[in-house]
Amino acid sequence: MAILKDKVATLLEVISGARVRVAPSFFAKPEQWFWERKIEVMHNHPGYAQFSAVLRDHIPDGIRVLDVGCNRGLETAIIAKTNSVVGVDLYANFVKAANRRGIDAVLFQI
């Protein structure tokens, strides 16, 4: 039984390592992976571009914007073209991804 437990533990470690390289958020917080997936689906939805444009129409150019729940900075990057933007998110890897897009994003800690 101990050998089986060791083999299962090793297998899970290998699978986890592969998953972490592909999508690190899954093993950090499972609920984040599902949220991340919904965001990806939403951004690929044909109606999202229209919704995004309507949203941005209500943000005047040249103002300071706080994007709470900036995710990986997709929308934030668009808003940052004409505004000064700071993004905030609960997940460190979302903040890092937004930072890689050139967004000034910070981790919100409760």
PDB file of N, CA and C in Angstrom:
ATOM      1  N   MET A   1       0.821  -1.195   0.000  1.00  0.00           N
ATOM      2  CA  MET A   1       0.000   0.000   0.000  1.00  0.00           C
ATOM      3  C   MET A   1       0.865   1.260   0.000  1.00  0.00           C
ATOM      4  N   ALA A   2       1.968   1.230   0.748  1.00  0.00           N
ATOM      5  CA  ALA A   2       2.866   2.385   0.812  1.00  0.00           C
ATOM      6  C   ALA A   2       3.478   2.666  -0.554  1.00  0.00           C
ATOM      7  N   ILE A   3       3.805   1.608  -1.296  1.00  0.00           N
ATOM      8  CA  ILE A   3       4.390   1.780  -2.633  1.00  0.00           C
ATOM      9  C   ILE A   3       3.378   2.456  -3.558  1.00  0.00           C
ATOM     10  N   LEU A   4       2.125   2.020  -3.472  1.00  0.00           N
ATOM     11  CA  LEU A   4       1.070   2.623  -4.288  1.00  0.00           C
ATOM     12  C   LEU A   4       0.902   4.105  -3.943  1.00  0.00           C
ATOM     13  N   LYS A   5       0.911   4.424  -2.662  1.00  0.00           N
ATOM     14  CA  LYS A   5       0.788   5.826  -2.246  1.00  0.00           C
ATOM     15  C   LYS A   5       1.945   6.652  -2.789  1.00  0.00           C
ATOM     16  N   ASP A   6       3.159   6.086  -2.733  1.00  0.00           N
ATOM     17  CA  ASP A   6       4.329   6.797  -3.257  1.00  0.00           C
ATOM     18  C   ASP A   6       4.202   7.021  -4.760  1.00  0.00           C
ATOM     19  N   LYS A   7       3.737   6.000  -5.480  1.00  0.00           N
ATOM     20  CA  LYS A   7       3.587   6.130  -6.935  1.00  0.00           C
ATOM     21  C   LYS A   7       2.519   7.156  -7.289  1.00  0.00           C
ATOM     22  N   VAL A   8       1.413   7.144  -6.552  1.00  0.00           N
ATOM     23  CA  VAL A   8       0.360   8.129  -6.787  1.00  0.00           C
ATOM     24  C   VAL A   8       0.879   9.528  -6.475  1.00  0.00           C
ATOM     25  N   ALA A   9       1.599   9.660  -5.377  1.00  0.00           N
ATOM     26  CA  ALA A   9       2.160  10.967  -5.011  1.00  0.00           C
ATOM     27  C   ALA A   9       3.120  11.459  -6.091  1.00  0.00           C
ATOM     28  N   THR A  10       3.960  10.563  -6.605  1.00  0.00           N
ATOM     29  CA  THR A  10       4.894  10.929  -7.667  1.00  0.00           C
ATOM     30  C   THR A  10       4.151  11.338  -8.928  1.00  0.00           C
ATOM     31  N   LEU A  11       3.126  10.574  -9.295  1.00  0.00           N
ATOM     32  CA  LEU A  11       2.330  10.883 -10.473  1.00  0.00           C
ATOM     33  C   LEU A  11       1.654  12.250 -10.327  1.00  0.00           C
ATOM     34  N   LEU A  12       1.075  12.503  -9.172  1.00  0.00           N
ATOM     35  CA  LEU A  12       0.438  13.799  -8.942  1.00  0.00           C
ATOM     36  C   LEU A  12       1.448  14.940  -9.008  1.00  0.00           C
ATOM     37  N   GLU A  13       2.633  14.690  -8.513  1.00  0.00           N
ATOM     38  CA  GLU A  13       3.686  15.705  -8.573  1.00  0.00           C
ATOM     39  C   GLU A  13       4.055  16.010 -10.023  1.00  0.00           C
ATOM     40  N   VAL A  14       4.175  14.966 -10.841  1.00  0.00           N
ATOM     41  CA  VAL A  14       4.506  15.151 -12.263  1.00  0.00           C
ATOM     42  C   VAL A  14       3.382  15.902 -12.970  1.00  0.00           C
ATOM     43  N   ILE A  15       2.141  15.477 -12.721  1.00  0.00           N
ATOM     44  CA  ILE A  15       0.995  16.137 -13.345  1.00  0.00           C
ATOM     45  C   ILE A  15       0.920  17.587 -12.891  1.00  0.00           C
ATOM     46  N   SER A  16       1.105  17.818 -11.604  1.00  0.00           N
ATOM     47  CA  SER A  16       1.064  19.182 -11.075  1.00  0.00           C
ATOM     48  C   SER A  16       2.138  20.042 -11.725  1.00  0.00           C
ATOM     49  N   GLY A  17       3.328  19.488 -11.865  1.00  0.00           N
ATOM     50  CA  GLY A  17       4.415  20.237 -12.483  1.00  0.00           C
ATOM     51  C   GLY A  17       4.086  20.621 -13.909  1.00  0.00           C
ATOM     52  N   ALA A  18       3.494  19.701 -14.656  1.00  0.00           N
ATOM     53  CA  ALA A  18       3.113  19.994 -16.039  1.00  0.00           C
ATOM     54  C   ALA A  18       2.021  21.050 -16.069  1.00  0.00           C
ATOM     55  N   ARG A  19       1.043  20.930 -15.196  1.00  0.00           N
ATOM     56  CA  ARG A  19      -0.072  21.881 -15.159  1.00  0.00           C
ATOM     57  C   ARG A  19       0.401  23.255 -14.719  1.00  0.00           C
ATOM     58  N   VAL A  20       1.343  23.287 -13.791  1.00  0.00           N
ATOM     59  CA  VAL A  20       1.860  24.567 -13.324  1.00  0.00           C
ATOM     60  C   VAL A  20       2.587  25.288 -14.452  1.00  0.00           C
ATOM     61  N   ARG A  21       3.298  24.543 -15.278  1.00  0.00           N
ATOM     62  CA  ARG A  21       3.986  25.169 -16.411  1.00  0.00           C
ATOM     63  C   ARG A  21       2.990  25.684 -17.446  1.00  0.00           C
ATOM     64  N   VAL A  22       1.872  24.992 -17.628  1.00  0.00           N
ATOM     65  CA  VAL A  22       0.885  25.386 -18.623  1.00  0.00           C
ATOM     66  C   VAL A  22      -0.026  26.494 -18.098  1.00  0.00           C
ATOM     67  N   ALA A  23      -0.564  26.314 -16.907  1.00  0.00           N
ATOM     68  CA  ALA A  23      -1.474  27.298 -16.305  1.00  0.00           C
ATOM     69  C   ALA A  23      -1.243  27.308 -14.802  1.00  0.00           C
ATOM     70  N   PRO A  24      -0.305  28.112 -14.355  1.00  0.00           N
ATOM     71  CA  PRO A  24       0.108  28.067 -12.952  1.00  0.00           C
ATOM     72  C   PRO A  24      -0.996  28.340 -11.947  1.00  0.00           C
ATOM     73  N   SER A  25      -2.041  29.038 -12.354  1.00  0.00           N
ATOM     74  CA  SER A  25      -3.069  29.400 -11.383  1.00  0.00           C
ATOM     75  C   SER A  25      -3.888  28.221 -10.898  1.00  0.00           C
ATOM     76  N   PHE A  26      -3.950  27.135 -11.659  1.00  0.00           N
ATOM     77  CA  PHE A  26      -4.818  26.020 -11.271  1.00  0.00           C
ATOM     78  C   PHE A  26      -4.427  25.442  -9.922  1.00  0.00           C
ATOM     79  N   PHE A  27      -3.139  25.254  -9.702  1.00  0.00           N
ATOM     80  CA  PHE A  27      -2.729  24.674  -8.435  1.00  0.00           C
ATOM     81  C   PHE A  27      -2.555  25.719  -7.346  1.00  0.00           C
ATOM     82  N   ALA A  28      -2.490  26.986  -7.719  1.00  0.00           N
ATOM     83  CA  ALA A  28      -2.438  28.023  -6.696  1.00  0.00           C
ATOM     84  C   ALA A  28      -3.803  28.143  -6.021  1.00  0.00           C
ATOM     85  N   LYS A  29      -4.842  28.274  -6.824  1.00  0.00           N
ATOM     86  CA  LYS A  29      -6.209  28.391  -6.310  1.00  0.00           C
ATOM     87  C   LYS A  29      -7.137  27.858  -7.394  1.00  0.00           C
ATOM     88  N   PRO A  30      -7.748  26.707  -7.183  1.00  0.00           N
ATOM     89  CA  PRO A  30      -8.604  26.123  -8.232  1.00  0.00           C
ATOM     90  C   PRO A  30      -9.708  27.058  -8.706  1.00  0.00           C
ATOM     91  N   GLU A  31     -10.322  27.830  -7.810  1.00  0.00           N
ATOM     92  CA  GLU A  31     -11.402  28.714  -8.249  1.00  0.00           C
ATOM     93  C   GLU A  31     -10.886  29.784  -9.209  1.00  0.00           C
ATOM     94  N   GLN A  32      -9.603  30.135  -9.068  1.00  0.00           N
ATOM     95  CA  GLN A  32      -9.030  31.126  -9.970  1.00  0.00           C
ATOM     96  C   GLN A  32      -8.930  30.570 -11.382  1.00  0.00           C
ATOM     97  N   TRP A  33      -8.598  29.297 -11.515  1.00  0.00           N
ATOM     98  CA  TRP A  33      -8.489  28.699 -12.838  1.00  0.00           C
ATOM     99  C   TRP A  33      -9.830  28.782 -13.556  1.00  0.00           C
ATOM    100  N   PHE A  34     -10.912  28.480 -12.851  1.00  0.00           N
ATOM    101  CA  PHE A  34     -12.230  28.537 -13.474  1.00  0.00           C
ATOM    102  C   PHE A  34     -12.605  29.967 -13.834  1.00  0.00           C
ATOM    103  N   TRP A  35     -12.256  30.918 -12.968  1.00  0.00           N
ATOM    104  CA  TRP A  35     -12.517  32.317 -13.269  1.00  0.00           C
ATOM    105  C   TRP A  35     -11.719  32.748 -14.492  1.00  0.00           C
ATOM    106  N   GLU A  36     -10.461  32.355 -14.514  1.00  0.00           N
ATOM    107  CA  GLU A  36      -9.587  32.686 -15.633  1.00  0.00           C
ATOM    108  C   GLU A  36     -10.163  32.128 -16.924  1.00  0.00           C
ATOM    109  N   ARG A  37     -10.641  30.911 -16.882  1.00  0.00           N
ATOM    110  CA  ARG A  37     -11.218  30.270 -18.067  1.00  0.00           C
ATOM    111  C   ARG A  37     -12.463  31.029 -18.534  1.00  0.00           C
ATOM    112  N   LYS A  38     -13.308  31.457 -17.602  1.00  0.00           N
ATOM    113  CA  LYS A  38     -14.504  32.211 -17.984  1.00  0.00           C
ATOM    114  C   LYS A  38     -14.116  33.529 -18.637  1.00  0.00           C
ATOM    115  N   ILE A  39     -13.064  34.167 -18.137  1.00  0.00           N
ATOM    116  CA  ILE A  39     -12.610  35.433 -18.725  1.00  0.00           C
ATOM    117  C   ILE A  39     -12.131  35.194 -20.157  1.00  0.00           C
ATOM    118  N   GLU A  40     -11.363  34.119 -20.379  1.00  0.00           N
ATOM    119  CA  GLU A  40     -10.891  33.812 -21.726  1.00  0.00           C
ATOM    120  C   GLU A  40     -12.059  33.580 -22.672  1.00  0.00           C
ATOM    121  N   VAL A  41     -13.061  32.842 -22.215  1.00  0.00           N
ATOM    122  CA  VAL A  41     -14.238  32.582 -23.038  1.00  0.00           C
ATOM    123  C   VAL A  41     -14.959  33.893 -23.326  1.00  0.00           C
ATOM    124  N   MET A  42     -15.101  34.733 -22.299  1.00  0.00           N
ATOM    125  CA  MET A  42     -15.788  36.012 -22.465  1.00  0.00           C
ATOM    126  C   MET A  42     -15.078  36.890 -23.498  1.00  0.00           C
ATOM    127  N   HIS A  43     -13.755  36.971 -23.426  1.00  0.00           N
ATOM    128  CA  HIS A  43     -13.016  37.821 -24.356  1.00  0.00           C
ATOM    129  C   HIS A  43     -13.081  37.297 -25.782  1.00  0.00           C
ATOM    130  N   ASN A  44     -13.348  36.011 -25.958  1.00  0.00           N
ATOM    131  CA  ASN A  44     -13.478  35.440 -27.296  1.00  0.00           C
ATOM    132  C   ASN A  44     -14.909  35.486 -27.818  1.00  0.00           C
ATOM    133  N   HIS A  45     -15.841  35.890 -26.982  1.00  0.00           N
ATOM    134  CA  HIS A  45     -17.248  35.955 -27.397  1.00  0.00           C
ATOM    135  C   HIS A  45     -17.436  37.118 -28.369  1.00  0.00           C
ATOM    136  N   PRO A  46     -18.177  36.909 -29.466  1.00  0.00           N
ATOM    137  CA  PRO A  46     -18.340  37.983 -30.458  1.00  0.00           C
ATOM    138  C   PRO A  46     -18.962  39.262 -29.891  1.00  0.00           C
ATOM    139  N   GLY A  47     -19.837  39.155 -28.915  1.00  0.00           N
ATOM    140  CA  GLY A  47     -20.478  40.338 -28.359  1.00  0.00           C
ATOM    141  C   GLY A  47     -19.615  41.099 -27.382  1.00  0.00           C
ATOM    142  N   TYR A  48     -18.495  40.506 -26.959  1.00  0.00           N
ATOM    143  CA  TYR A  48     -17.675  41.166 -25.947  1.00  0.00           C
ATOM    144  C   TYR A  48     -17.048  42.447 -26.475  1.00  0.00           C
ATOM    145  N   ALA A  49     -16.619  42.456 -27.715  1.00  0.00           N
ATOM    146  CA  ALA A  49     -16.005  43.657 -28.285  1.00  0.00           C
ATOM    147  C   ALA A  49     -16.987  44.822 -28.248  1.00  0.00           C
ATOM    148  N   GLN A  50     -18.254  44.536 -28.513  1.00  0.00           N
ATOM    149  CA  GLN A  50     -19.273  45.590 -28.466  1.00  0.00           C
ATOM    150  C   GLN A  50     -19.478  46.065 -27.026  1.00  0.00           C
ATOM    151  N   PHE A  51     -19.562  45.121 -26.092  1.00  0.00           N
ATOM    152  CA  PHE A  51     -19.712  45.483 -24.679  1.00  0.00           C
ATOM    153  C   PHE A  51     -18.517  46.310 -24.216  1.00  0.00           C
ATOM    154  N   SER A  52     -17.331  45.875 -24.609  1.00  0.00           N
ATOM    155  CA  SER A  52     -16.101  46.564 -24.219  1.00  0.00           C
ATOM    156  C   SER A  52     -16.100  47.996 -24.742  1.00  0.00           C
ATOM    157  N   ALA A  53     -16.528  48.182 -25.972  1.00  0.00           N
ATOM    158  CA  ALA A  53     -16.572  49.526 -26.559  1.00  0.00           C
ATOM    159  C   ALA A  53     -17.568  50.410 -25.819  1.00  0.00           C
ATOM    160  N   VAL A  54     -18.727  49.864 -25.468  1.00  0.00           N
ATOM    161  CA  VAL A  54     -19.729  50.634 -24.719  1.00  0.00           C
ATOM    162  C   VAL A  54     -19.156  51.031 -23.357  1.00  0.00           C
ATOM    163  N   LEU A  55     -18.498  50.087 -22.709  1.00  0.00           N
ATOM    164  CA  LEU A  55     -17.885  50.374 -21.405  1.00  0.00           C
ATOM    165  C   LEU A  55     -16.869  51.502 -21.524  1.00  0.00           C
ATOM    166  N   ARG A  56     -15.996  51.409 -22.494  1.00  0.00           N
ATOM    167  CA  ARG A  56     -14.966  52.434 -22.660  1.00  0.00           C
ATOM    168  C   ARG A  56     -15.538  53.786 -23.074  1.00  0.00           C
ATOM    169  N   ASP A  57     -16.687  53.796 -23.741  1.00  0.00           N
ATOM    170  CA  ASP A  57     -17.323  55.064 -24.114  1.00  0.00           C
ATOM    171  C   ASP A  57     -17.717  55.876 -22.885  1.00  0.00           C
ATOM    172  N   HIS A  58     -17.878  55.218 -21.754  1.00  0.00           N
ATOM    173  CA  HIS A  58     -18.266  55.909 -20.531  1.00  0.00           C
ATOM    174  C   HIS A  58     -17.069  56.329 -19.684  1.00  0.00           C
ATOM    175  N   ILE A  59     -15.871  56.120 -20.204  1.00  0.00           N
ATOM    176  CA  ILE A  59     -14.650  56.528 -19.503  1.00  0.00           C
ATOM    177  C   ILE A  59     -14.009  57.658 -20.308  1.00  0.00           C
ATOM    178  N   PRO A  60     -14.078  58.897 -19.813  1.00  0.00           N
ATOM    179  CA  PRO A  60     -13.486  60.009 -20.562  1.00  0.00           C
ATOM    180  C   PRO A  60     -11.968  59.851 -20.686  1.00  0.00           C
ATOM    181  N   ASP A  61     -11.412  60.351 -21.756  1.00  0.00           N
ATOM    182  CA  ASP A  61      -9.959  60.313 -21.945  1.00  0.00           C
ATOM    183  C   ASP A  61      -9.272  61.247 -20.964  1.00  0.00           C
ATOM    184  N   GLY A  62      -8.057  60.865 -20.565  1.00  0.00           N
ATOM    185  CA  GLY A  62      -7.213  61.725 -19.754  1.00  0.00           C
ATOM    186  C   GLY A  62      -7.501  61.721 -18.261  1.00  0.00           C
ATOM    187  N   ILE A  63      -8.272  60.754 -17.781  1.00  0.00           N
ATOM    188  CA  ILE A  63      -8.547  60.711 -16.341  1.00  0.00           C
ATOM    189  C   ILE A  63      -7.759  59.576 -15.699  1.00  0.00           C
ATOM    190  N   ARG A  64      -7.752  59.567 -14.371  1.00  0.00           N
ATOM    191  CA  ARG A  64      -7.120  58.466 -13.629  1.00  0.00           C
ATOM    192  C   ARG A  64      -8.174  57.400 -13.383  1.00  0.00           C
ATOM    193  N   VAL A  65      -7.816  56.152 -13.678  1.00  0.00           N
ATOM    194  CA  VAL A  65      -8.766  55.040 -13.572  1.00  0.00           C
ATOM    195  C   VAL A  65      -8.194  53.979 -12.647  1.00  0.00           C
ATOM    196  N   LEU A  66      -9.021  53.495 -11.741  1.00  0.00           N
ATOM    197  CA  LEU A  66      -8.666  52.353 -10.899  1.00  0.00           C
ATOM    198  C   LEU A  66      -9.475  51.169 -11.404  1.00  0.00           C
ATOM    199  N   ASP A  67      -8.801  50.178 -11.941  1.00  0.00           N
ATOM    200  CA  ASP A  67      -9.470  48.982 -12.458  1.00  0.00           C
ATOM    201  C   ASP A  67      -9.419  47.909 -11.378  1.00  0.00           C
ATOM    202  N   VAL A  68     -10.507  47.778 -10.637  1.00  0.00           N
ATOM    203  CA  VAL A  68     -10.587  46.787  -9.569  1.00  0.00           C
ATOM    204  C   VAL A  68     -11.023  45.463 -10.199  1.00  0.00           C
ATOM    205  N   GLY A  69     -10.195  44.448 -10.004  1.00  0.00           N
ATOM    206  CA  GLY A  69     -10.442  43.164 -10.660  1.00  0.00           C
ATOM    207  C   GLY A  69      -9.911  43.206 -12.082  1.00  0.00           C
ATOM    208  N   CYS A  70      -8.692  43.704 -12.228  1.00  0.00           N
ATOM    209  CA  CYS A  70      -8.116  43.920 -13.562  1.00  0.00           C
ATOM    210  C   CYS A  70      -7.777  42.630 -14.299  1.00  0.00           C
ATOM    211  N   ASN A  71      -7.816  41.510 -13.595  1.00  0.00           N
ATOM    212  CA  ASN A  71      -7.499  40.225 -14.201  1.00  0.00           C
ATOM    213  C   ASN A  71      -6.097  40.304 -14.781  1.00  0.00           C
ATOM    214  N   ARG A  72      -5.917  39.901 -16.007  1.00  0.00           N
ATOM    215  CA  ARG A  72      -4.587  39.916 -16.618  1.00  0.00           C
ATOM    216  C   ARG A  72      -4.323  41.172 -17.426  1.00  0.00           C
ATOM    217  N   GLY A  73      -5.196  42.162 -17.261  1.00  0.00           N
ATOM    218  CA  GLY A  73      -4.947  43.466 -17.870  1.00  0.00           C
ATOM    219  C   GLY A  73      -5.362  43.617 -19.313  1.00  0.00           C
ATOM    220  N   LEU A  74      -6.199  42.735 -19.838  1.00  0.00           N
ATOM    221  CA  LEU A  74      -6.610  42.851 -21.240  1.00  0.00           C
ATOM    222  C   LEU A  74      -7.361  44.159 -21.490  1.00  0.00           C
ATOM    223  N   GLU A  75      -8.423  44.358 -20.735  1.00  0.00           N
ATOM    224  CA  GLU A  75      -9.217  45.581 -20.877  1.00  0.00           C
ATOM    225  C   GLU A  75      -8.450  46.785 -20.337  1.00  0.00           C
ATOM    226  N   THR A  76      -7.700  46.569 -19.277  1.00  0.00           N
ATOM    227  CA  THR A  76      -6.934  47.642 -18.648  1.00  0.00           C
ATOM    228  C   THR A  76      -5.940  48.239 -19.637  1.00  0.00           C
ATOM    229  N   ALA A  77      -5.314  47.394 -20.445  1.00  0.00           N
ATOM    230  CA  ALA A  77      -4.341  47.872 -21.433  1.00  0.00           C
ATOM    231  C   ALA A  77      -5.002  48.780 -22.466  1.00  0.00           C
ATOM    232  N   ILE A  78      -6.221  48.454 -22.838  1.00  0.00           N
ATOM    233  CA  ILE A  78      -6.942  49.294 -23.804  1.00  0.00           C
ATOM    234  C   ILE A  78      -7.274  50.643 -23.170  1.00  0.00           C
ATOM    235  N   ILE A  79      -7.749  50.622 -21.945  1.00  0.00           N
ATOM    236  CA  ILE A  79      -8.094  51.863 -21.239  1.00  0.00           C
ATOM    237  C   ILE A  79      -6.841  52.716 -21.005  1.00  0.00           C
ATOM    238  N   ALA A  80      -5.701  52.052 -20.772  1.00  0.00           N
ATOM    239  CA  ALA A  80      -4.443  52.760 -20.477  1.00  0.00           C
ATOM    240  C   ALA A  80      -3.895  53.522 -21.688  1.00  0.00           C
ATOM    241  N   LYS A  81      -4.409  53.243 -22.870  1.00  0.00           N
ATOM    242  CA  LYS A  81      -3.941  53.975 -24.056  1.00  0.00           C
ATOM    243  C   LYS A  81      -4.296  55.460 -23.987  1.00  0.00           C
ATOM    244  N   THR A  82      -5.405  55.759 -23.301  1.00  0.00           N
ATOM    245  CA  THR A  82      -5.855  57.156 -23.248  1.00  0.00           C
ATOM    246  C   THR A  82      -6.009  57.682 -21.819  1.00  0.00           C
ATOM    247  N   ASN A  83      -5.642  56.865 -20.836  1.00  0.00           N
ATOM    248  CA  ASN A  83      -5.816  57.250 -19.433  1.00  0.00           C
ATOM    249  C   ASN A  83      -4.653  56.751 -18.588  1.00  0.00           C
ATOM    250  N   SER A  84      -4.581  57.283 -17.382  1.00  0.00           N
ATOM    251  CA  SER A  84      -3.629  56.789 -16.395  1.00  0.00           C
ATOM    252  C   SER A  84      -4.362  55.729 -15.575  1.00  0.00           C
ATOM    253  N   VAL A  85      -3.885  54.487 -15.622  1.00  0.00           N
ATOM    254  CA  VAL A  85      -4.621  53.374 -15.015  1.00  0.00           C
ATOM    255  C   VAL A  85      -3.760  52.614 -14.015  1.00  0.00           C
ATOM    256  N   VAL A  86      -4.392  52.254 -12.897  1.00  0.00           N
ATOM    257  CA  VAL A  86      -3.804  51.329 -11.939  1.00  0.00           C
ATOM    258  C   VAL A  86      -4.782  50.168 -11.831  1.00  0.00           C
ATOM    259  N   GLY A  87      -4.266  48.952 -11.954  1.00  0.00           N
ATOM    260  CA  GLY A  87      -5.096  47.770 -11.817  1.00  0.00           C
ATOM    261  C   GLY A  87      -4.865  47.104 -10.478  1.00  0.00           C
ATOM    262  N   VAL A  88      -5.916  46.476  -9.952  1.00  0.00           N
ATOM    263  CA  VAL A  88      -5.840  45.752  -8.682  1.00  0.00           C
ATOM    264  C   VAL A  88      -6.514  44.402  -8.882  1.00  0.00           C
ATOM    265  N   ASP A  89      -5.880  43.347  -8.369  1.00  0.00           N
ATOM    266  CA  ASP A  89      -6.508  42.032  -8.438  1.00  0.00           C
ATOM    267  C   ASP A  89      -6.123  41.219  -7.203  1.00  0.00           C
ATOM    268  N   LEU A  90      -6.917  40.180  -6.946  1.00  0.00           N
ATOM    269  CA  LEU A  90      -6.695  39.314  -5.788  1.00  0.00           C
ATOM    270  C   LEU A  90      -5.632  38.253  -6.032  1.00  0.00           C
ATOM    271  N   TYR A  91      -5.331  37.960  -7.296  1.00  0.00           N
ATOM    272  CA  TYR A  91      -4.435  36.856  -7.630  1.00  0.00           C
ATOM    273  C   TYR A  91      -3.095  37.370  -8.140  1.00  0.00           C
ATOM    274  N   ALA A  92      -2.035  36.897  -7.506  1.00  0.00           N
ATOM    275  CA  ALA A  92      -0.684  37.375  -7.832  1.00  0.00           C
ATOM    276  C   ALA A  92      -0.313  37.116  -9.287  1.00  0.00           C
ATOM    277  N   ASN A  93      -0.701  35.962  -9.832  1.00  0.00           N
ATOM    278  CA  ASN A  93      -0.293  35.708 -11.217  1.00  0.00           C
ATOM    279  C   ASN A  93      -1.083  36.566 -12.203  1.00  0.00           C
ATOM    280  N   PHE A  94      -2.299  37.001 -11.848  1.00  0.00           N
ATOM    281  CA  PHE A  94      -3.017  37.956 -12.699  1.00  0.00           C
ATOM    282  C   PHE A  94      -2.272  39.288 -12.684  1.00  0.00           C
ATOM    283  N   VAL A  95      -1.830  39.710 -11.506  1.00  0.00           N
ATOM    284  CA  VAL A  95      -1.096  40.970 -11.375  1.00  0.00           C
ATOM    285  C   VAL A  95       0.198  40.907 -12.186  1.00  0.00           C
ATOM    286  N   LYS A  96       0.905  39.787 -12.095  1.00  0.00           N
ATOM    287  CA  LYS A  96       2.150  39.633 -12.865  1.00  0.00           C
ATOM    288  C   LYS A  96       1.882  39.695 -14.361  1.00  0.00           C
ATOM    289  N   ALA A  97       0.799  39.044 -14.801  1.00  0.00           N
ATOM    290  CA  ALA A  97       0.456  39.066 -16.234  1.00  0.00           C
ATOM    291  C   ALA A  97       0.111  40.489 -16.677  1.00  0.00           C
ATOM    292  N   ALA A  98      -0.621  41.217 -15.848  1.00  0.00           N
ATOM    293  CA  ALA A  98      -0.946  42.615 -16.171  1.00  0.00           C
ATOM    294  C   ALA A  98       0.325  43.458 -16.211  1.00  0.00           C
ATOM    295  N   ASN A  99       1.232  43.228 -15.263  1.00  0.00           N
ATOM    296  CA  ASN A  99       2.515  43.951 -15.261  1.00  0.00           C
ATOM    297  C   ASN A  99       3.301  43.681 -16.534  1.00  0.00           C
ATOM    298  N   ARG A 100       3.272  42.433 -17.008  1.00  0.00           N
ATOM    299  CA  ARG A 100       3.968  42.104 -18.265  1.00  0.00           C
ATOM    300  C   ARG A 100       3.363  42.844 -19.451  1.00  0.00           C
ATOM    301  N   ARG A 101       2.098  43.218 -19.361  1.00  0.00           N
ATOM    302  CA  ARG A 101       1.455  44.004 -20.423  1.00  0.00           C
ATOM    303  C   ARG A 101       1.780  45.499 -20.287  1.00  0.00           C
ATOM    304  N   GLY A 102       2.552  45.841 -19.256  1.00  0.00           N
ATOM    305  CA  GLY A 102       2.905  47.238 -19.039  1.00  0.00           C
ATOM    306  C   GLY A 102       1.913  47.986 -18.166  1.00  0.00           C
ATOM    307  N   ILE A 103       1.025  47.252 -17.517  1.00  0.00           N
ATOM    308  CA  ILE A 103       0.022  47.857 -16.640  1.00  0.00           C
ATOM    309  C   ILE A 103       0.603  47.988 -15.225  1.00  0.00           C
ATOM    310  N   ASP A 104       0.346  49.123 -14.607  1.00  0.00           N
ATOM    311  CA  ASP A 104       0.715  49.307 -13.205  1.00  0.00           C
ATOM    312  C   ASP A 104      -0.350  48.601 -12.385  1.00  0.00           C
ATOM    313  N   ALA A 105      -0.115  47.349 -12.044  1.00  0.00           N
ATOM    314  CA  ALA A 105      -1.096  46.541 -11.299  1.00  0.00           C
ATOM    315  C   ALA A 105      -0.498  46.118  -9.967  1.00  0.00           C
ATOM    316  N   VAL A 106      -1.344  46.062  -8.963  1.00  0.00           N
ATOM    317  CA  VAL A 106      -0.923  45.667  -7.620  1.00  0.00           C
ATOM    318  C   VAL A 106      -1.834  44.582  -7.078  1.00  0.00           C
ATOM    319  N   LEU A 107      -1.293  43.849  -6.125  1.00  0.00           N
ATOM    320  CA  LEU A 107      -2.029  42.762  -5.488  1.00  0.00           C
ATOM    321  C   LEU A 107      -2.877  43.310  -4.347  1.00  0.00           C
ATOM    322  N   PHE A 108      -4.157  43.018  -4.368  1.00  0.00           N
ATOM    323  CA  PHE A 108      -5.053  43.403  -3.287  1.00  0.00           C
ATOM    324  C   PHE A 108      -5.019  42.322  -2.229  1.00  0.00           C
ATOM    325  N   GLN A 109      -4.725  42.688  -1.014  1.00  0.00           N
ATOM    326  CA  GLN A 109      -4.667  41.710   0.062  1.00  0.00           C
ATOM    327  C   GLN A 109      -5.707  42.046   1.105  1.00  0.00           C
ATOM    328  N   ILE A 110      -6.447  41.027   1.476  1.00  0.00           N
ATOM    329  CA  ILE A 110      -7.508  41.207   2.468  1.00  0.00           C
ATOM    330  C   ILE A 110      -6.942  40.962   3.842  1.00  0.00           C
TER     331      ILE A 110
END
